[in-house]
């Protein structure tokens, strides 16, 4: 990760524990898509196959989405800072 944003110079090296919120974003995305897929596929896919697919989703998607979750958390923080620092 770069130390600062090349466009707006936002310092990306935050204090320890700052990125804990990005874990919540990652969990929310993983759980939302997983539960939606389970509800939509429950009648069409056999139980063991659905369970295996959802477990694979729950293990692999967070690894892929990790950087995007951090970026979303930074974007949310920047949006809040620009709204409250007037």
Protein backbone atom coordinates (compact mmCIF):
# COMPACT_ATOMS: atom_id res chain seq x y z
CA UNK A 1 0.00 0.00 0.00
CA UNK A 2 1.29 3.45 -0.84
CA UNK A 3 2.07 5.76 2.10
CA UNK A 4 -0.18 8.49 0.65
CA UNK A 5 -2.81 8.89 -2.05
CA UNK A 6 -1.22 10.21 -5.27
CA UNK A 7 -4.36 12.25 -6.06
CA UNK A 8 -5.41 13.88 -2.79
CA UNK A 9 -2.34 13.24 -0.56
CA UNK A 10 -4.46 11.48 2.10
CA UNK A 11 -2.11 9.79 4.54
CA UNK A 12 -2.80 6.07 4.25
CA UNK A 13 -0.57 5.15 7.20
CA UNK A 14 -3.17 5.44 9.92
CA UNK A 15 -2.86 4.64 13.62
CA UNK A 16 -2.84 1.00 14.78
CA UNK A 17 -6.33 -0.49 14.74
CA UNK A 18 -7.65 1.99 12.16
CA UNK A 19 -8.34 -0.68 9.55
CA UNK A 20 -10.44 -2.84 11.90
CA UNK A 21 -13.47 -1.16 10.32
CA UNK A 22 -12.49 -2.56 6.94
CA UNK A 23 -12.96 -6.05 8.41
CA UNK A 24 -16.57 -5.12 9.11
CA UNK A 25 -16.98 -3.94 5.52
CA UNK A 26 -15.46 -7.20 4.26
CA UNK A 27 -17.69 -9.29 6.53
CA UNK A 28 -20.80 -7.35 5.53
CA UNK A 29 -20.11 -7.88 1.83
CA UNK A 30 -19.32 -11.58 2.27
CA UNK A 31 -22.34 -12.28 4.47
CA UNK A 32 -24.75 -10.24 2.35
CA UNK A 33 -23.88 -11.99 -0.89
CA UNK A 34 -23.69 -15.40 0.81
CA UNK A 35 -27.09 -15.13 2.48
CA UNK A 36 -28.68 -13.75 -0.69
CA UNK A 37 -27.21 -16.60 -2.75
CA UNK A 38 -28.36 -19.16 -0.18
CA UNK A 39 -31.91 -17.84 -0.20
CA UNK A 40 -32.07 -17.74 -3.99
CA UNK A 41 -30.50 -21.17 -4.53
CA UNK A 42 -32.04 -23.09 -1.62
CA UNK A 43 -34.79 -24.67 -3.74
CA UNK A 44 -32.66 -25.35 -6.84
CA UNK A 45 -29.39 -26.79 -5.48
CA UNK A 46 -29.04 -29.87 -3.24
CA UNK A 47 -28.12 -29.09 0.37
CA UNK A 48 -24.56 -30.52 0.48
CA UNK A 49 -23.58 -28.83 -2.78
CA UNK A 50 -25.03 -25.52 -1.62
CA UNK A 51 -23.24 -25.82 1.71
CA UNK A 52 -19.91 -26.60 0.00
CA UNK A 53 -20.31 -23.68 -2.39
CA UNK A 54 -21.18 -21.26 0.39
CA UNK A 55 -18.24 -22.44 2.48
CA UNK A 56 -15.90 -21.91 -0.47
CA UNK A 57 -17.42 -18.45 -0.94
CA UNK A 58 -16.98 -17.59 2.74
CA UNK A 59 -13.32 -18.64 2.66
CA UNK A 60 -12.19 -17.27 -0.69
CA UNK A 61 -14.15 -14.06 -1.25
CA UNK A 62 -12.78 -12.20 1.81
CA UNK A 63 -9.24 -12.85 0.57
CA UNK A 64 -10.07 -11.31 -2.80
CA UNK A 65 -12.13 -8.44 -1.36
CA UNK A 66 -9.61 -7.43 1.34
CA UNK A 67 -8.03 -4.52 -0.57
CA UNK A 68 -11.37 -3.25 -1.78
CA UNK A 69 -12.71 -3.28 1.78
CA UNK A 70 -9.74 -1.19 2.93
CA UNK A 71 -10.32 1.26 0.09
CA UNK A 72 -14.03 1.50 0.93
CA UNK A 73 -13.18 2.12 4.60
CA UNK A 74 -10.73 4.88 3.64
CA UNK A 75 -13.28 6.41 1.31
CA UNK A 76 -15.94 6.39 4.02
CA UNK A 77 -13.51 7.99 6.46
CA UNK A 78 -12.54 10.67 3.93
CA UNK A 79 -16.21 11.36 3.18
CA UNK A 80 -17.02 11.73 6.88
CA UNK A 81 -13.96 13.96 7.48
CA UNK A 82 -14.91 16.31 4.67
CA UNK A 83 -18.47 16.59 5.99
CA UNK A 84 -17.51 17.26 9.63
CA UNK A 85 -14.43 19.47 9.26
CA UNK A 86 -16.22 22.51 7.85
